[in-house]
Amino acid sequence: MRKKRSNFYLVREEILPEAIRKTIRVKELLKKGEARTINEAVEKMDLSRSAYYKYKDFVFPFYEASKNKIITLALVLEHRNGVLSGVLKAISRDYGNVQTIHQEIPLQGVATVTISFETARLTFGLESLLKSIRAVDGVKKLEILGLK
């Protein structure tokens, strides 16, 4: 018998029920070593052990779901020398492997660019890479279009 395939959704944290938010925080405490045991972590977060065990295998940060995937980003960049190059350097510095780049003809001083890249070898994780890309001078907007 084949296992039923799960669907995944990106959901903003602020709409999640408190028990799920606390479960995520418990997992973070354990991962960062801020709590040594599950008991210690759930106590710090004022969460029951049963609630933690109910949700722990079903919630995880986006960056964990994005490991070994292909991410597609949509960017709005200022149309000037070096902006796209800066974005590509940021991806390269973190060992992202660019698969495709599509740039529209610039209009009114900005260009829309779509970039797809592999995340398998990212050193610092997707959230860190996205922060680096947003910090590139000339990046006006960045959105995640998809995850494959």
Protein backbone atom coordinates (compact mmCIF):
# COMPACT_ATOMS: atom_id res chain seq x y z
CA MET A 1 0.00 0.00 0.00
CA ARG A 2 1.36 3.44 -0.96
CA LYS A 3 1.70 6.10 1.68
CA LYS A 4 -0.56 9.11 1.16
CA ARG A 5 1.38 12.15 0.00
CA SER A 6 1.25 15.12 2.36
CA ASN A 7 0.57 18.65 1.19
CA PHE A 8 2.72 21.47 2.49
CA TYR A 9 1.71 25.09 2.96
CA LEU A 10 3.57 28.26 3.78
CA VAL A 11 1.72 29.97 6.60
CA ARG A 12 2.69 33.13 8.44
CA GLU A 13 3.56 32.42 12.05
CA GLU A 14 1.15 34.96 13.51
CA ILE A 15 -1.93 32.99 12.41
CA LEU A 16 -0.78 29.70 13.93
CA PRO A 17 -2.40 28.52 17.15
CA GLU A 18 -0.34 29.12 20.27
CA ALA A 19 0.42 25.41 20.83
CA ILE A 20 1.99 25.12 17.39
CA ARG A 21 4.06 28.29 17.85
CA LYS A 22 5.27 27.00 21.21
CA THR A 23 6.12 23.62 19.67
CA ILE A 24 8.30 25.37 17.09
CA ARG A 25 10.00 27.34 19.85
CA VAL A 26 10.61 24.14 21.88
CA LYS A 27 12.31 22.59 18.85
CA GLU A 28 14.47 25.71 18.49
CA LEU A 29 15.46 25.62 22.18
CA LEU A 30 16.53 22.01 21.82
CA LYS A 31 18.40 22.58 18.57
CA LYS A 32 20.30 25.60 19.93
CA GLY A 33 21.12 23.83 23.19
CA GLU A 34 19.18 26.37 25.26
CA ALA A 35 17.35 23.42 26.81
CA ARG A 36 18.94 20.03 27.42
CA THR A 37 15.79 17.91 27.53
CA ILE A 38 12.30 17.98 26.10
CA ASN A 39 10.93 18.34 29.63
CA GLU A 40 13.08 21.40 30.24
CA ALA A 41 12.11 22.97 26.92
CA VAL A 42 8.35 22.43 27.25
CA GLU A 43 8.50 23.75 30.80
CA LYS A 44 10.27 26.92 29.61
CA MET A 45 7.58 27.42 26.98
CA ASP A 46 4.67 26.49 29.28
CA LEU A 47 3.59 23.77 26.85
CA SER A 48 2.33 20.30 27.74
CA ARG A 49 4.44 17.35 26.65
CA SER A 50 1.41 15.85 24.91
CA ALA A 51 0.92 18.99 22.79
CA TYR A 52 4.61 18.97 21.87
CA TYR A 53 4.50 15.31 20.80
CA LYS A 54 1.24 15.90 18.91
CA TYR A 55 2.76 18.62 16.67
CA LYS A 56 6.56 18.09 16.69
CA ASP A 57 6.70 15.95 13.54
CA PHE A 58 4.44 18.25 11.55
CA VAL A 59 5.91 21.73 12.06
CA PHE A 60 9.31 22.97 11.03
CA PRO A 61 10.84 26.22 9.84
CA PHE A 62 10.71 27.00 6.14
CA TYR A 63 14.49 26.72 5.81
CA GLU A 64 14.34 23.06 6.88
CA ALA A 65 11.69 22.32 4.25
CA SER A 66 13.85 24.03 1.64
CA LYS A 67 16.91 21.81 2.05
CA ASN A 68 17.86 19.86 -1.10
CA LYS A 69 15.25 21.68 -3.16
CA ILE A 70 15.10 24.14 -6.01
CA ILE A 71 13.89 27.58 -4.95
CA THR A 72 12.51 30.09 -7.43
CA LEU A 73 12.77 33.76 -6.52
CA ALA A 74 11.18 36.78 -8.16
CA LEU A 75 13.17 39.96 -7.76
CA VAL A 76 12.69 43.58 -8.72
CA LEU A 77 16.11 45.12 -9.29
CA GLU A 78 17.26 48.62 -10.10
CA HIS A 79 18.45 48.72 -13.69
CA ARG A 80 22.10 49.57 -13.21
CA ASN A 81 25.45 47.86 -13.47
CA GLY A 82 26.28 45.20 -10.91
CA VAL A 83 22.91 44.65 -9.23
CA LEU A 84 22.14 41.26 -10.80
CA SER A 85 25.80 40.34 -10.43
CA GLY A 86 25.59 41.14 -6.69
CA VAL A 87 22.56 38.85 -6.32
CA LEU A 88 24.33 36.03 -8.15
CA LYS A 89 27.46 36.52 -6.03
CA ALA A 90 25.36 36.25 -2.86
CA ILE A 91 23.91 32.95 -4.08
CA SER A 92 27.34 31.70 -5.13
CA ARG A 93 29.02 32.70 -1.84
CA ASP A 94 26.61 30.42 0.01
CA TYR A 95 27.10 27.60 -2.55
CA GLY A 96 23.69 27.90 -4.15
CA ASN A 97 23.70 26.37 -7.62
CA VAL A 98 21.85 28.59 -10.10
CA GLN A 99 19.66 26.64 -12.53
CA THR A 100 17.88 29.39 -14.48
CA ILE A 101 17.86 33.16 -14.77
CA HIS A 102 15.18 35.08 -16.64
CA GLN A 103 15.32 38.85 -16.84
CA GLU A 104 12.59 40.97 -18.38
CA ILE A 105 13.45 44.06 -20.39
CA PRO A 106 13.93 46.89 -17.86
CA LEU A 107 11.11 49.43 -17.66
CA GLN A 108 11.08 52.68 -15.69
CA GLY A 109 14.48 51.97 -14.17
CA VAL A 110 13.73 48.49 -12.80
CA ALA A 111 14.02 44.95 -14.11
CA THR A 112 12.06 41.90 -13.03
CA VAL A 113 14.27 38.83 -12.64
CA THR A 114 13.37 35.24 -11.87
CA ILE A 115 16.14 33.01 -10.54
CA SER A 116 15.91 29.31 -9.70
CA PHE A 117 18.68 27.65 -7.72
CA GLU A 118 19.47 24.46 -5.84
CA THR A 119 19.78 24.62 -2.06
CA ALA A 120 21.51 21.28 -1.39
CA ARG A 121 24.91 22.81 -0.55
CA LEU A 122 23.84 26.04 1.16
CA THR A 123 26.25 26.74 3.99
CA PHE A 124 24.25 29.16 6.11
CA GLY A 125 20.70 28.19 5.18
CA LEU A 126 18.02 29.76 3.06
CA GLU A 127 16.91 32.45 5.52
CA SER A 128 20.46 33.77 5.77
CA LEU A 129 20.87 33.72 1.99
CA LEU A 130 17.61 35.62 1.46
CA LYS A 131 18.77 38.23 3.95
CA SER A 132 22.06 38.57 2.03
CA ILE A 133 20.22 38.98 -1.27
CA ARG A 134 17.89 41.63 0.19
CA ALA A 135 21.00 43.50 1.41
CA VAL A 136 22.41 43.80 -2.11
CA ASP A 137 22.32 47.46 -3.13
CA GLY A 138 19.63 47.80 -5.79
CA VAL A 139 17.36 44.94 -4.75
CA LYS A 140 13.94 46.54 -4.44
CA LYS A 141 11.81 43.45 -3.85
CA LEU A 142 12.29 39.73 -3.31
CA GLU A 143 9.59 37.07 -3.21
CA ILE A 144 9.73 33.30 -3.07
CA LEU A 145 7.72 32.00 -6.01
CA GLY A 146 8.14 28.31 -5.44
CA LEU A 147 9.89 25.37 -3.93
CA LYS A 148 10.37 22.15 -5.87
